[in-house]
Structure formats: C-alpha cells, structure tokens
C-alpha cells in the first residue's frame, strides 16, 4: 500500500511532470506580468506565478521524502512557450487579449496534465493535495479565460 513516503514509481513520475509544468507556469506568469501594461492583470499573473512556485515546492518535498531527486527546472516546451509569449507581447505591444490568450493556452496544458495525473494516481495518499492544487489551477484558468473573453 502506498504511503506519502513510499509512493509508486508511476506516482513519482507524475509528480515530477507536475513539478516541471508548475515551474514552467510560474515562469510564464512572471514573464506575462512583465509584458502586460494593465496592473490588475499583471498583479493577478504574479499571484498565479507565486501559487505555482508553492505547488512545485510542495511536490518537490514529497518527491524528496521518497528518496528521489525532485525536478528543479521546467521543460524545453515551457521555455518555447515563454519565448512565444514574449514575442507576441513585444510584437503586439503588450496587447492584453493576445497575452491573455497565450496565458489561457498555458493554463489549458497544466489543467490537462493535472487531470491525467489525478486519474493515474487515483487512491494515492496525495490525492487531497493534488485535488487542492487542481482546483486552484482550474480557477486561475477560468479567471484568465474570462478576462480574455472580456477583451475580445
């Protein structure tokens, strides 16, 4: 039976993926906050980024408690997404709708990965943590989508 310190290899792999995507998301929100002129949206992005860093840290501690080395960086795909967000923000002069659309696209990716890991780890002692984090990710996704749609 799985415990918080004796997680299955598959569970650890899912957590490692979530660590990477949370790191990517945190960095993406920081960059988006720098590219958008609207201070309310920039502040919201900063708070989202802080939450993602917190989530990554929570998952890193669990992976470490299982004797594994937790991921400490994001993915190449995440770096490319941040680069594209920067290009779009620069080319379109910080266009709110374009930046929000890219942020929402990134939120689709993290939301989808949480859904996959939750299915893969059903019954895991981490389900409460993962569901709490997923609820926050989903809320941020929906808020960003609504902000984007209000600027269409």
N, C-alpha and C. Protein backbone atom coordinates (compact mmCIF):
# COMPACT_ATOMS: atom_id res chain seq x y z
N UNK A 1 0.85 -1.19 0.00
CA UNK A 1 0.00 0.00 0.00
C UNK A 1 0.89 1.24 0.00
N UNK A 2 0.51 2.19 -0.84
CA UNK A 2 1.24 3.43 -0.96
C UNK A 2 1.02 4.33 0.25
N UNK A 3 2.13 4.90 0.73
CA UNK A 3 2.04 5.94 1.75
C UNK A 3 2.75 7.17 1.21
N UNK A 4 2.70 8.26 1.94
CA UNK A 4 3.29 9.51 1.47
C UNK A 4 4.80 9.38 1.25
N UNK A 5 5.46 8.43 1.94
CA UNK A 5 6.90 8.26 1.78
C UNK A 5 7.27 6.98 1.04
N UNK A 6 6.26 6.26 0.56
CA UNK A 6 6.52 5.03 -0.21
C UNK A 6 5.66 5.03 -1.47
N UNK A 7 5.76 6.10 -2.22
CA UNK A 7 4.95 6.23 -3.43
C UNK A 7 5.48 5.33 -4.54
N UNK A 8 4.56 4.89 -5.39
CA UNK A 8 4.94 4.07 -6.55
C UNK A 8 5.74 4.91 -7.54
N UNK A 9 6.55 4.23 -8.35
CA UNK A 9 7.35 4.91 -9.36
C UNK A 9 6.48 5.73 -10.31
N UNK A 10 5.30 5.20 -10.66
CA UNK A 10 4.40 5.90 -11.56
C UNK A 10 3.89 7.20 -10.93
N UNK A 11 3.63 7.15 -9.62
CA UNK A 11 3.17 8.34 -8.92
C UNK A 11 4.28 9.39 -8.89
N UNK A 12 5.50 8.95 -8.59
CA UNK A 12 6.65 9.86 -8.57
C UNK A 12 6.83 10.50 -9.96
N UNK A 13 6.71 9.71 -11.01
CA UNK A 13 6.86 10.24 -12.38
C UNK A 13 5.81 11.31 -12.66
N UNK A 14 4.58 11.07 -12.24
CA UNK A 14 3.52 12.06 -12.42
C UNK A 14 3.81 13.33 -11.64
N UNK A 15 4.32 13.17 -10.42
CA UNK A 15 4.66 14.35 -9.62
C UNK A 15 5.79 15.14 -10.26
N UNK A 16 6.78 14.43 -10.81
CA UNK A 16 7.89 15.10 -11.47
C UNK A 16 7.37 15.94 -12.65
N UNK A 17 6.43 15.38 -13.41
CA UNK A 17 5.82 16.12 -14.52
C UNK A 17 5.11 17.38 -14.01
N UNK A 18 4.38 17.23 -12.90
CA UNK A 18 3.66 18.37 -12.35
C UNK A 18 4.62 19.43 -11.81
N UNK A 19 5.74 18.98 -11.24
CA UNK A 19 6.75 19.94 -10.78
C UNK A 19 7.24 20.76 -11.96
N UNK A 20 7.61 20.09 -13.04
CA UNK A 20 8.11 20.79 -14.23
C UNK A 20 7.09 21.77 -14.79
N UNK A 21 5.86 21.33 -14.92
CA UNK A 21 4.85 22.21 -15.53
C UNK A 21 4.48 23.37 -14.59
N UNK A 22 4.55 23.15 -13.27
CA UNK A 22 4.33 24.25 -12.34
C UNK A 22 5.47 25.26 -12.41
N UNK A 23 6.70 24.78 -12.56
CA UNK A 23 7.84 25.69 -12.72
C UNK A 23 7.66 26.49 -14.01
N UNK A 24 7.33 25.79 -15.09
CA UNK A 24 7.07 26.48 -16.37
C UNK A 24 5.99 27.54 -16.21
N UNK A 25 4.91 27.18 -15.56
CA UNK A 25 3.78 28.08 -15.39
C UNK A 25 4.18 29.30 -14.57
N UNK A 26 4.90 29.07 -13.48
CA UNK A 26 5.34 30.18 -12.64
C UNK A 26 6.20 31.16 -13.41
N UNK A 27 7.14 30.64 -14.21
CA UNK A 27 8.00 31.50 -15.03
C UNK A 27 7.19 32.20 -16.11
N UNK A 28 6.23 31.49 -16.70
CA UNK A 28 5.39 32.09 -17.74
C UNK A 28 4.56 33.23 -17.20
N UNK A 29 3.99 33.05 -16.01
CA UNK A 29 3.20 34.13 -15.41
C UNK A 29 4.07 35.34 -15.10
N UNK A 30 5.29 35.09 -14.63
CA UNK A 30 6.20 36.20 -14.33
C UNK A 30 6.49 36.99 -15.61
N UNK A 31 6.77 36.28 -16.69
CA UNK A 31 7.06 36.95 -17.96
C UNK A 31 5.82 37.68 -18.48
N UNK A 32 4.67 37.05 -18.37
CA UNK A 32 3.44 37.69 -18.84
C UNK A 32 3.17 38.97 -18.05
N UNK A 33 3.43 38.93 -16.73
CA UNK A 33 3.23 40.12 -15.89
C UNK A 33 4.12 41.27 -16.35
N UNK A 34 5.31 40.93 -16.84
CA UNK A 34 6.24 41.96 -17.31
C UNK A 34 5.82 42.52 -18.68
N UNK A 35 5.07 41.75 -19.44
CA UNK A 35 4.71 42.15 -20.80
C UNK A 35 3.36 42.85 -20.91
N UNK A 36 2.62 42.92 -19.84
CA UNK A 36 1.28 43.50 -19.93
C UNK A 36 1.25 44.80 -19.13
N UNK A 37 0.62 45.80 -19.69
CA UNK A 37 0.59 47.12 -19.05
C UNK A 37 -0.49 47.24 -17.98
N UNK A 38 -1.54 46.47 -18.08
CA UNK A 38 -2.64 46.53 -17.13
C UNK A 38 -2.15 46.00 -15.77
N UNK A 39 -2.09 46.89 -14.78
CA UNK A 39 -1.51 46.49 -13.48
C UNK A 39 -2.36 45.46 -12.75
N UNK A 40 -3.67 45.49 -12.93
CA UNK A 40 -4.52 44.49 -12.27
C UNK A 40 -4.22 43.09 -12.81
N UNK A 41 -4.10 42.99 -14.13
CA UNK A 41 -3.79 41.69 -14.73
C UNK A 41 -2.37 41.28 -14.37
N UNK A 42 -1.44 42.21 -14.41
CA UNK A 42 -0.05 41.90 -14.05
C UNK A 42 0.03 41.37 -12.61
N UNK A 43 -0.68 42.01 -11.70
CA UNK A 43 -0.68 41.56 -10.31
C UNK A 43 -1.32 40.19 -10.17
N UNK A 44 -2.38 39.95 -10.92
CA UNK A 44 -3.02 38.62 -10.89
C UNK A 44 -2.03 37.56 -11.39
N UNK A 45 -1.35 37.86 -12.49
CA UNK A 45 -0.36 36.93 -13.02
C UNK A 45 0.74 36.66 -12.00
N UNK A 46 1.19 37.68 -11.29
CA UNK A 46 2.23 37.48 -10.27
C UNK A 46 1.74 36.55 -9.17
N UNK A 47 0.50 36.74 -8.73
CA UNK A 47 -0.06 35.86 -7.70
C UNK A 47 -0.17 34.42 -8.20
N UNK A 48 -0.59 34.27 -9.46
CA UNK A 48 -0.67 32.93 -10.05
C UNK A 48 0.72 32.28 -10.06
N UNK A 49 1.72 33.06 -10.47
CA UNK A 49 3.08 32.55 -10.51
C UNK A 49 3.57 32.12 -9.14
N UNK A 50 3.24 32.90 -8.12
CA UNK A 50 3.62 32.55 -6.75
C UNK A 50 2.95 31.25 -6.31
N UNK A 51 1.67 31.09 -6.66
CA UNK A 51 0.96 29.85 -6.32
C UNK A 51 1.64 28.65 -6.98
N UNK A 52 2.01 28.81 -8.26
CA UNK A 52 2.64 27.69 -8.98
C UNK A 52 3.99 27.33 -8.37
N UNK A 53 4.73 28.33 -7.92
CA UNK A 53 6.01 28.05 -7.26
C UNK A 53 5.76 27.30 -5.95
N UNK A 54 4.72 27.69 -5.23
CA UNK A 54 4.36 26.99 -4.00
C UNK A 54 3.99 25.54 -4.29
N UNK A 55 3.18 25.34 -5.34
CA UNK A 55 2.78 23.97 -5.71
C UNK A 55 3.99 23.12 -6.05
N UNK A 56 4.90 23.67 -6.85
CA UNK A 56 6.11 22.94 -7.22
C UNK A 56 6.89 22.56 -5.97
N UNK A 57 7.02 23.50 -5.03
CA UNK A 57 7.75 23.23 -3.79
C UNK A 57 7.10 22.13 -2.96
N UNK A 58 5.78 22.14 -2.88
CA UNK A 58 5.08 21.08 -2.13
C UNK A 58 5.38 19.71 -2.74
N UNK A 59 5.31 19.64 -4.06
CA UNK A 59 5.53 18.36 -4.74
C UNK A 59 7.01 17.96 -4.68
N UNK A 60 7.91 18.92 -4.74
CA UNK A 60 9.33 18.61 -4.62
C UNK A 60 9.64 17.99 -3.26
N UNK A 61 9.02 18.50 -2.21
CA UNK A 61 9.26 17.93 -0.87
C UNK A 61 8.78 16.49 -0.79
N UNK A 62 7.65 16.20 -1.41
CA UNK A 62 7.13 14.83 -1.39
C UNK A 62 8.06 13.90 -2.15
N UNK A 63 8.50 14.33 -3.33
CA UNK A 63 9.43 13.51 -4.12
C UNK A 63 10.71 13.27 -3.33
N UNK A 64 11.23 14.32 -2.70
CA UNK A 64 12.44 14.18 -1.89
C UNK A 64 12.25 13.25 -0.72
N UNK A 65 11.06 13.29 -0.09
CA UNK A 65 10.77 12.40 1.05
C UNK A 65 10.72 10.94 0.62
N UNK A 66 10.62 10.70 -0.68
CA UNK A 66 10.59 9.34 -1.21
C UNK A 66 11.98 8.90 -1.70
N UNK A 67 12.99 9.67 -1.34
CA UNK A 67 14.36 9.31 -1.70
C UNK A 67 14.74 9.60 -3.14
N UNK A 68 13.93 10.38 -3.83
CA UNK A 68 14.20 10.72 -5.23
C UNK A 68 14.64 12.18 -5.31
N UNK A 69 15.38 12.50 -6.36
CA UNK A 69 15.79 13.89 -6.60
C UNK A 69 14.67 14.58 -7.39
N UNK A 70 14.03 15.59 -6.78
CA UNK A 70 12.94 16.26 -7.49
C UNK A 70 13.45 17.13 -8.62
N UNK A 71 12.61 17.30 -9.63
CA UNK A 71 12.92 18.20 -10.74
C UNK A 71 13.07 19.61 -10.18
N UNK A 72 13.96 20.37 -10.78
CA UNK A 72 14.20 21.74 -10.31
C UNK A 72 14.08 22.77 -11.44
N UNK A 73 13.79 22.29 -12.64
CA UNK A 73 13.65 23.22 -13.76
C UNK A 73 12.44 22.81 -14.59
N UNK A 74 12.07 23.70 -15.46
CA UNK A 74 10.94 23.44 -16.34
C UNK A 74 11.36 22.63 -17.55
N UNK A 75 10.50 22.65 -18.54
CA UNK A 75 10.72 21.86 -19.76
C UNK A 75 11.14 22.75 -20.91
N UNK A 76 11.68 22.14 -21.95
CA UNK A 76 12.01 22.87 -23.17
C UNK A 76 10.73 23.45 -23.78
N UNK A 77 9.67 22.67 -23.77
CA UNK A 77 8.39 23.14 -24.32
C UNK A 77 7.92 24.39 -23.58
N UNK A 78 8.11 24.41 -22.26
CA UNK A 78 7.73 25.57 -21.47
C UNK A 78 8.56 26.79 -21.82
N UNK A 79 9.84 26.58 -22.05
CA UNK A 79 10.73 27.68 -22.43
C UNK A 79 10.30 28.26 -23.78
N UNK A 80 9.94 27.38 -24.69
CA UNK A 80 9.48 27.83 -26.01
C UNK A 80 8.18 28.63 -25.86
N UNK A 81 7.27 28.14 -25.01
CA UNK A 81 6.00 28.86 -24.79
C UNK A 81 6.27 30.26 -24.22
N UNK A 82 7.19 30.36 -23.25
CA UNK A 82 7.52 31.67 -22.68
C UNK A 82 8.15 32.57 -23.73
N UNK A 83 9.00 32.00 -24.57
CA UNK A 83 9.61 32.79 -25.64
C UNK A 83 8.51 33.33 -26.56
N UNK A 84 7.57 32.47 -26.94
CA UNK A 84 6.48 32.89 -27.82
C UNK A 84 5.63 33.96 -27.16
N UNK A 85 5.37 33.81 -25.87
CA UNK A 85 4.61 34.81 -25.13
C UNK A 85 5.34 36.15 -25.18
N UNK A 86 6.66 36.11 -25.03
CA UNK A 86 7.45 37.34 -25.11
C UNK A 86 7.41 37.96 -26.48
N UNK A 87 7.52 37.14 -27.51
CA UNK A 87 7.45 37.64 -28.88
C UNK A 87 6.10 38.27 -29.15
N UNK A 88 5.04 37.57 -28.78
CA UNK A 88 3.69 38.11 -29.02
C UNK A 88 3.49 39.41 -28.26
N UNK A 89 3.97 39.44 -27.00
CA UNK A 89 3.82 40.65 -26.20
C UNK A 89 4.58 41.82 -26.79
N UNK A 90 5.76 41.54 -27.33
CA UNK A 90 6.58 42.59 -27.92
C UNK A 90 6.01 43.04 -29.26
N UNK A 91 5.71 42.07 -30.12
CA UNK A 91 5.21 42.39 -31.46
C UNK A 91 3.87 43.11 -31.37
N UNK A 92 3.05 42.68 -30.46
CA UNK A 92 1.71 43.27 -30.37
C UNK A 92 1.64 44.34 -29.28
N UNK A 93 2.80 44.83 -28.87
CA UNK A 93 2.89 45.93 -27.91
C UNK A 93 2.10 45.67 -26.63
N UNK A 94 2.27 44.50 -26.06
CA UNK A 94 1.61 44.19 -24.80
C UNK A 94 0.12 44.04 -24.92
N UNK A 95 -0.38 43.68 -26.10
CA UNK A 95 -1.81 43.51 -26.34
C UNK A 95 -2.41 42.57 -25.30
N UNK A 96 -3.34 43.09 -24.51
CA UNK A 96 -3.94 42.31 -23.41
C UNK A 96 -4.58 41.02 -23.90
N UNK A 97 -5.38 41.13 -24.96
CA UNK A 97 -6.08 39.94 -25.43
C UNK A 97 -5.10 38.86 -25.86
N UNK A 98 -4.05 39.22 -26.59
CA UNK A 98 -3.07 38.24 -27.07
C UNK A 98 -2.33 37.58 -25.90
N UNK A 99 -1.93 38.37 -24.92
CA UNK A 99 -1.22 37.81 -23.77
C UNK A 99 -2.14 36.92 -22.95
N UNK A 100 -3.37 37.36 -22.74
CA UNK A 100 -4.34 36.54 -22.01
C UNK A 100 -4.64 35.23 -22.76
N UNK A 101 -4.71 35.31 -24.09
CA UNK A 101 -4.96 34.10 -24.88
C UNK A 101 -3.82 33.11 -24.72
N UNK A 102 -2.58 33.60 -24.73
CA UNK A 102 -1.42 32.72 -24.54
C UNK A 102 -1.40 32.15 -23.12
N UNK A 103 -1.73 32.99 -22.14
CA UNK A 103 -1.76 32.53 -20.75
C UNK A 103 -2.83 31.45 -20.59
N UNK A 104 -3.97 31.65 -21.23
CA UNK A 104 -5.05 30.65 -21.13
C UNK A 104 -4.64 29.35 -21.81
N UNK A 105 -3.90 29.45 -22.90
CA UNK A 105 -3.40 28.25 -23.57
C UNK A 105 -2.45 27.47 -22.65
N UNK A 106 -1.60 28.19 -21.95
CA UNK A 106 -0.72 27.54 -20.98
C UNK A 106 -1.51 26.91 -19.85
N UNK A 107 -2.56 27.58 -19.42
CA UNK A 107 -3.41 27.04 -18.36
C UNK A 107 -4.15 25.78 -18.82
N UNK A 108 -4.52 25.74 -20.10
CA UNK A 108 -5.12 24.51 -20.63
C UNK A 108 -4.17 23.33 -20.45
N UNK A 109 -2.88 23.56 -20.72
CA UNK A 109 -1.88 22.49 -20.64
C UNK A 109 -1.71 22.00 -19.21
N UNK A 110 -1.57 22.91 -18.25
CA UNK A 110 -1.35 22.48 -16.87
C UNK A 110 -2.61 21.81 -16.31
N UNK A 111 -3.76 22.35 -16.66
CA UNK A 111 -5.03 21.77 -16.19
C UNK A 111 -5.17 20.33 -16.71
N UNK A 112 -4.84 20.15 -17.99
CA UNK A 112 -4.93 18.82 -18.60
C UNK A 112 -3.96 17.84 -17.92
N UNK A 113 -2.74 18.29 -17.63
CA UNK A 113 -1.77 17.40 -17.00
C UNK A 113 -2.20 17.01 -15.60
N UNK A 114 -2.77 17.95 -14.85
CA UNK A 114 -3.30 17.60 -13.52
C UNK A 114 -4.40 16.55 -13.64
N UNK A 115 -5.28 16.72 -14.62
CA UNK A 115 -6.37 15.75 -14.80
C UNK A 115 -5.81 14.36 -15.09
N UNK A 116 -4.76 14.28 -15.92
CA UNK A 116 -4.14 12.98 -16.23
C UNK A 116 -3.51 12.37 -14.99
N UNK A 117 -2.75 13.17 -14.25
CA UNK A 117 -2.08 12.64 -13.06
C UNK A 117 -3.11 12.22 -12.01
N UNK A 118 -4.18 12.97 -11.87
CA UNK A 118 -5.22 12.58 -10.91
C UNK A 118 -5.83 11.23 -11.27
N UNK A 119 -6.04 10.98 -12.56
CA UNK A 119 -6.56 9.68 -13.00
C UNK A 119 -5.54 8.58 -12.73
N UNK A 120 -4.26 8.86 -13.06
CA UNK A 120 -3.19 7.87 -12.90
C UNK A 120 -2.92 7.53 -11.45
N UNK A 121 -3.19 8.46 -10.54
CA UNK A 121 -2.84 8.27 -9.14
C UNK A 121 -4.06 8.13 -8.24
N UNK A 122 -5.19 7.76 -8.81
CA UNK A 122 -6.41 7.62 -8.01
C UNK A 122 -6.13 6.73 -6.81
N UNK A 123 -6.55 7.18 -5.64
CA UNK A 123 -6.34 6.42 -4.42
C UNK A 123 -5.00 6.70 -3.74
N UNK A 124 -4.19 7.51 -4.36
CA UNK A 124 -2.88 7.86 -3.78
C UNK A 124 -3.08 8.71 -2.53
N UNK A 125 -2.14 8.61 -1.60
CA UNK A 125 -2.25 9.46 -0.42
C UNK A 125 -2.06 10.95 -0.75
N UNK A 126 -1.70 11.26 -1.98
CA UNK A 126 -1.53 12.65 -2.40
C UNK A 126 -2.77 13.24 -3.03
N UNK A 127 -3.81 12.46 -3.18
CA UNK A 127 -5.00 12.95 -3.89
C UNK A 127 -5.55 14.25 -3.32
N UNK A 128 -5.55 14.40 -2.01
CA UNK A 128 -6.08 15.63 -1.42
C UNK A 128 -5.24 16.83 -1.86
N UNK A 129 -3.93 16.69 -1.82
CA UNK A 129 -3.04 17.77 -2.25
C UNK A 129 -3.23 18.06 -3.73
N UNK A 130 -3.26 17.01 -4.55
CA UNK A 130 -3.41 17.20 -5.99
C UNK A 130 -4.76 17.81 -6.34
N UNK A 131 -5.81 17.40 -5.67
CA UNK A 131 -7.14 17.99 -5.93
C UNK A 131 -7.17 19.46 -5.52
N UNK A 132 -6.53 19.80 -4.40
CA UNK A 132 -6.49 21.20 -3.96
C UNK A 132 -5.74 22.04 -4.99
N UNK A 133 -4.58 21.55 -5.44
CA UNK A 133 -3.82 22.29 -6.44
C UNK A 133 -4.60 22.39 -7.75
N UNK A 134 -5.23 21.31 -8.16
CA UNK A 134 -6.01 21.31 -9.40
C UNK A 134 -7.15 22.33 -9.33
N UNK A 135 -7.83 22.40 -8.19
CA UNK A 135 -8.93 23.36 -8.05
C UNK A 135 -8.42 24.79 -8.23
N UNK A 136 -7.24 25.09 -7.71
CA UNK A 136 -6.66 26.42 -7.88
C UNK A 136 -6.28 26.67 -9.34
N UNK A 137 -5.67 25.67 -9.98
CA UNK A 137 -5.31 25.79 -11.40
C UNK A 137 -6.55 26.03 -12.24
N UNK A 138 -7.60 25.27 -11.99
CA UNK A 138 -8.84 25.41 -12.75
C UNK A 138 -9.45 26.80 -12.54
N UNK A 139 -9.42 27.27 -11.30
CA UNK A 139 -9.95 28.61 -11.02
C UNK A 139 -9.16 29.67 -11.78
N UNK A 140 -7.82 29.56 -11.75
CA UNK A 140 -6.99 30.53 -12.48
C UNK A 140 -7.27 30.45 -13.97
N UNK A 141 -7.40 29.24 -14.49
CA UNK A 141 -7.70 29.06 -15.92
C UNK A 141 -8.99 29.79 -16.28
N UNK A 142 -10.03 29.55 -15.49
CA UNK A 142 -11.34 30.14 -15.79
C UNK A 142 -11.31 31.66 -15.66
N UNK A 143 -10.58 32.17 -14.68
CA UNK A 143 -10.47 33.61 -14.49
C UNK A 143 -9.76 34.25 -15.68
N UNK A 144 -8.67 33.63 -16.11
CA UNK A 144 -7.91 34.16 -17.26
C UNK A 144 -8.74 34.08 -18.53
N UNK A 145 -9.47 32.99 -18.71
CA UNK A 145 -10.35 32.85 -19.88
C UNK A 145 -11.39 33.97 -19.88
N UNK A 146 -11.97 34.23 -18.72
CA UNK A 146 -12.99 35.27 -18.62
C UNK A 146 -12.40 36.66 -18.89
N UNK A 147 -11.18 36.91 -18.40
CA UNK A 147 -10.52 38.18 -18.68
C UNK A 147 -10.24 38.31 -20.18
N UNK A 148 -9.80 37.22 -20.80
CA UNK A 148 -9.53 37.24 -22.25
C UNK A 148 -10.81 37.52 -23.01
N UNK A 149 -11.88 36.82 -22.68
CA UNK A 149 -13.14 36.98 -23.40
C UNK A 149 -13.71 38.39 -23.23
N UNK A 150 -13.45 39.02 -22.10
CA UNK A 150 -13.94 40.38 -21.87
C UNK A 150 -13.21 41.39 -22.75
N UNK A 151 -12.06 40.99 -23.31
CA UNK A 151 -11.27 41.90 -24.14
C UNK A 151 -11.32 41.52 -25.62
N UNK A 152 -12.20 40.61 -25.98
CA UNK A 152 -12.28 40.15 -27.38
C UNK A 152 -12.90 41.19 -28.26
